[in-house]
Amino acid sequence: MRQIIAMEVASDHDTYNEGVLGRPNAEYCAWIQQPSSWGGAIEVAILSRFYGLEMAVVDTLNAIINRFGEDKNYGQRVFLLFDGVHYDPLYLEQSDGGIQTIFPAEDMDIYQEAEQLAKEAKSSRQFTDLNKFTLKCMVCDKFLTGQVEAQKHAKETLHKHFGEV
């Protein structure tokens, strides 16, 4: 998936410019291919187009669903659960033991179940608030609050090993 994203970004410098990516296009393409790099909305949008299906991201922090590709009228939809840090696929367990991960885009019952899941996850605080969570640098034992502070510390010290407190 990382290569798909890097190839798309590299092929369209006008859309994927430094203002959108937060870094030069070539630098981003190298960065996103690293296993330690995490994507977000840009990457989900690219994958939605590549696979030709709607991707509905169930955001547990805000209890909303962000839809990617809904304007394309794709016939199929997948759901991803986003807890503020990670994306995980949502699936429906079938009575025969199988799992279903792709749903008809017009299936509003499953969409409403995903909305309810988002609300329940928010009310039970099943998310990570990237602006408020506490990390500990495993190199120097410094405590840091939020993603921005951790990124700044990593840039200044070259420390890259953190643990959530």
Protein backbone atom coordinates (compact mmCIF):
# COMPACT_ATOMS: atom_id res chain seq x y z
CA MET A 1 0.00 0.00 0.00
CA ARG A 2 2.88 2.36 0.75
CA GLN A 3 4.16 1.98 -2.82
CA ILE A 4 0.71 2.68 -4.25
CA ILE A 5 0.53 5.91 -2.27
CA ALA A 6 4.09 6.96 -3.11
CA MET A 7 3.53 6.33 -6.83
CA GLU A 8 0.30 8.36 -6.87
CA VAL A 9 1.85 11.25 -4.95
CA ALA A 10 4.98 11.27 -7.15
CA SER A 11 2.84 11.32 -10.31
CA ASP A 12 0.88 14.45 -9.33
CA HIS A 13 3.05 17.27 -7.99
CA ASP A 14 0.29 19.84 -8.48
CA THR A 15 -2.19 18.09 -6.19
CA TYR A 16 0.40 16.71 -3.78
CA ASN A 17 2.52 19.78 -3.22
CA GLU A 18 4.50 20.80 -0.14
CA GLY A 19 1.54 22.74 1.26
CA VAL A 20 -0.65 19.64 1.21
CA LEU A 21 2.01 17.13 2.26
CA GLY A 22 3.84 19.24 4.82
CA ARG A 23 7.13 18.45 3.10
CA PRO A 24 8.51 18.35 -0.46
CA ASN A 25 6.89 15.74 -2.70
CA ALA A 26 10.01 13.56 -3.12
CA GLU A 27 10.74 13.68 0.60
CA TYR A 28 7.16 12.62 1.37
CA CYS A 29 7.38 9.73 -1.10
CA ALA A 30 10.50 8.41 0.65
CA TRP A 31 8.95 8.99 4.08
CA ILE A 32 5.63 7.21 3.45
CA GLN A 33 7.47 4.06 2.34
CA GLN A 34 9.13 3.69 5.75
CA PRO A 35 7.43 1.13 8.05
CA SER A 36 7.52 3.64 10.91
CA SER A 37 5.49 6.25 8.97
CA TRP A 38 1.76 6.51 9.55
CA GLY A 39 -0.69 7.88 7.05
CA GLY A 40 -3.97 9.71 7.38
CA ALA A 41 -6.68 11.27 5.25
CA ILE A 42 -4.45 11.81 2.20
CA GLU A 43 -3.53 8.15 2.11
CA VAL A 44 -7.10 6.92 2.71
CA ALA A 45 -8.33 9.10 -0.18
CA ILE A 46 -5.66 7.69 -2.50
CA LEU A 47 -6.47 4.10 -1.53
CA SER A 48 -10.19 4.73 -2.02
CA ARG A 49 -9.55 5.83 -5.60
CA PHE A 50 -7.04 3.04 -6.27
CA TYR A 51 -9.34 0.25 -5.08
CA GLY A 52 -12.51 1.89 -6.42
CA LEU A 53 -14.50 1.72 -3.22
CA GLU A 54 -15.73 4.08 -0.56
CA MET A 55 -13.74 4.09 2.66
CA ALA A 56 -15.72 5.16 5.70
CA VAL A 57 -13.44 6.07 8.60
CA VAL A 58 -15.16 5.67 11.98
CA ASP A 59 -13.49 8.35 14.13
CA THR A 60 -13.84 7.34 17.79
CA LEU A 61 -12.49 10.65 19.16
CA ASN A 62 -15.19 12.74 17.49
CA ALA A 63 -17.88 10.04 17.09
CA ILE A 64 -18.26 10.74 13.38
CA ILE A 65 -17.72 8.92 10.11
CA ASN A 66 -15.52 10.54 7.47
CA ARG A 67 -16.28 9.18 4.02
CA PHE A 68 -13.70 9.00 1.25
CA GLY A 69 -14.92 8.38 -2.29
CA GLU A 70 -18.59 9.00 -1.50
CA ASP A 71 -18.75 11.47 -4.41
CA LYS A 72 -17.63 8.73 -6.82
CA ASN A 73 -20.75 6.59 -6.29
CA TYR A 74 -18.72 3.44 -5.77
CA GLY A 75 -20.86 0.36 -5.29
CA GLN A 76 -18.91 -0.94 -2.31
CA ARG A 77 -17.81 0.41 1.05
CA VAL A 78 -15.31 -0.64 3.72
CA PHE A 79 -15.15 0.70 7.26
CA LEU A 80 -11.97 1.60 9.09
CA LEU A 81 -11.93 2.31 12.82
CA PHE A 82 -9.64 5.23 13.70
CA ASP A 83 -8.77 5.63 17.38
CA GLY A 84 -6.62 8.74 16.98
CA VAL A 85 -3.49 6.74 16.19
CA HIS A 86 -4.27 3.53 14.30
CA TYR A 87 -6.64 2.46 11.54
CA ASP A 88 -8.17 -1.00 11.90
CA PRO A 89 -10.67 -2.66 9.56
CA LEU A 90 -14.18 -3.18 10.87
CA TYR A 91 -15.84 -6.44 9.95
CA LEU A 92 -19.06 -8.32 10.42
CA GLU A 93 -18.87 -11.88 11.72
CA GLN A 94 -21.02 -14.21 9.65
CA SER A 95 -23.06 -17.05 11.17
CA ASP A 96 -20.83 -19.55 9.33
CA GLY A 97 -17.72 -18.15 11.02
CA GLY A 98 -16.57 -16.09 8.05
CA ILE A 99 -16.02 -12.35 8.12
CA GLN A 100 -17.33 -9.65 5.83
CA THR A 101 -15.23 -6.52 5.29
CA ILE A 102 -16.77 -5.13 2.10
CA PHE A 103 -20.39 -3.96 2.11
CA PRO A 104 -22.78 -2.58 -0.49
CA ALA A 105 -22.48 1.22 -0.43
CA GLU A 106 -26.27 1.54 -0.15
CA ASP A 107 -26.43 -0.63 3.01
CA MET A 108 -27.47 2.03 5.52
CA ASP A 109 -28.13 -0.49 8.30
CA ILE A 110 -24.45 -1.37 8.57
CA TYR A 111 -23.58 2.34 8.25
CA GLN A 112 -25.85 3.15 11.20
CA GLU A 113 -24.25 0.34 13.21
CA ALA A 114 -20.84 1.90 12.52
CA GLU A 115 -22.19 5.29 13.65
CA GLN A 116 -23.41 3.71 16.88
CA LEU A 117 -20.02 2.07 17.39
CA ALA A 118 -18.35 5.48 17.04
CA LYS A 119 -20.65 6.96 19.70
CA GLU A 120 -20.08 4.05 22.09
CA ALA A 121 -16.31 4.17 21.60
CA LYS A 122 -16.27 7.90 22.30
CA SER A 123 -18.39 7.60 25.43
CA SER A 124 -16.13 4.85 26.77
CA ARG A 125 -13.01 6.88 25.81
CA GLN A 126 -11.66 4.26 23.40
CA PHE A 127 -9.42 6.70 21.57
CA THR A 128 -6.10 8.49 21.85
CA ASP A 129 -6.18 12.28 21.81
CA LEU A 130 -2.92 13.14 20.02
CA ASN A 131 -2.89 16.61 21.57
CA LYS A 132 -3.25 15.44 25.17
CA PHE A 133 -1.76 11.96 25.56
CA THR A 134 1.43 11.49 27.58
CA LEU A 135 4.51 9.80 26.20
CA LYS A 136 7.79 8.90 27.80
CA CYS A 137 11.02 9.04 25.82
CA MET A 138 12.52 5.60 26.36
CA VAL A 139 16.02 6.99 25.69
CA CYS A 140 16.20 9.85 28.21
CA ASP A 141 13.05 9.21 30.34
CA LYS A 142 11.57 12.64 29.56
CA PHE A 143 7.77 12.90 29.75
CA LEU A 144 6.07 14.63 26.80
CA THR A 145 2.49 15.75 26.21
CA GLY A 146 0.98 15.32 22.76
CA GLN A 147 2.24 14.41 19.34
CA VAL A 148 3.69 17.84 18.54
CA GLU A 149 5.87 17.86 21.66
CA ALA A 150 7.08 14.31 20.95
CA GLN A 151 7.93 15.19 17.35
CA LYS A 152 9.83 18.27 18.49
CA HIS A 153 11.77 16.21 21.04
CA ALA A 154 12.61 13.60 18.39
CA LYS A 155 13.82 16.28 15.98
CA GLU A 156 15.98 18.02 18.60
CA THR A 157 17.49 14.90 20.19
CA LEU A 158 17.18 12.24 17.45
CA HIS A 159 15.45 10.03 20.05
CA LYS A 160 12.84 7.84 18.35
CA HIS A 161 11.68 5.37 21.00
CA PHE A 162 8.59 6.44 22.95
CA GLY A 163 6.13 4.65 25.17
CA GLU A 164 2.59 5.75 26.02
CA VAL A 165 2.02 6.43 29.72
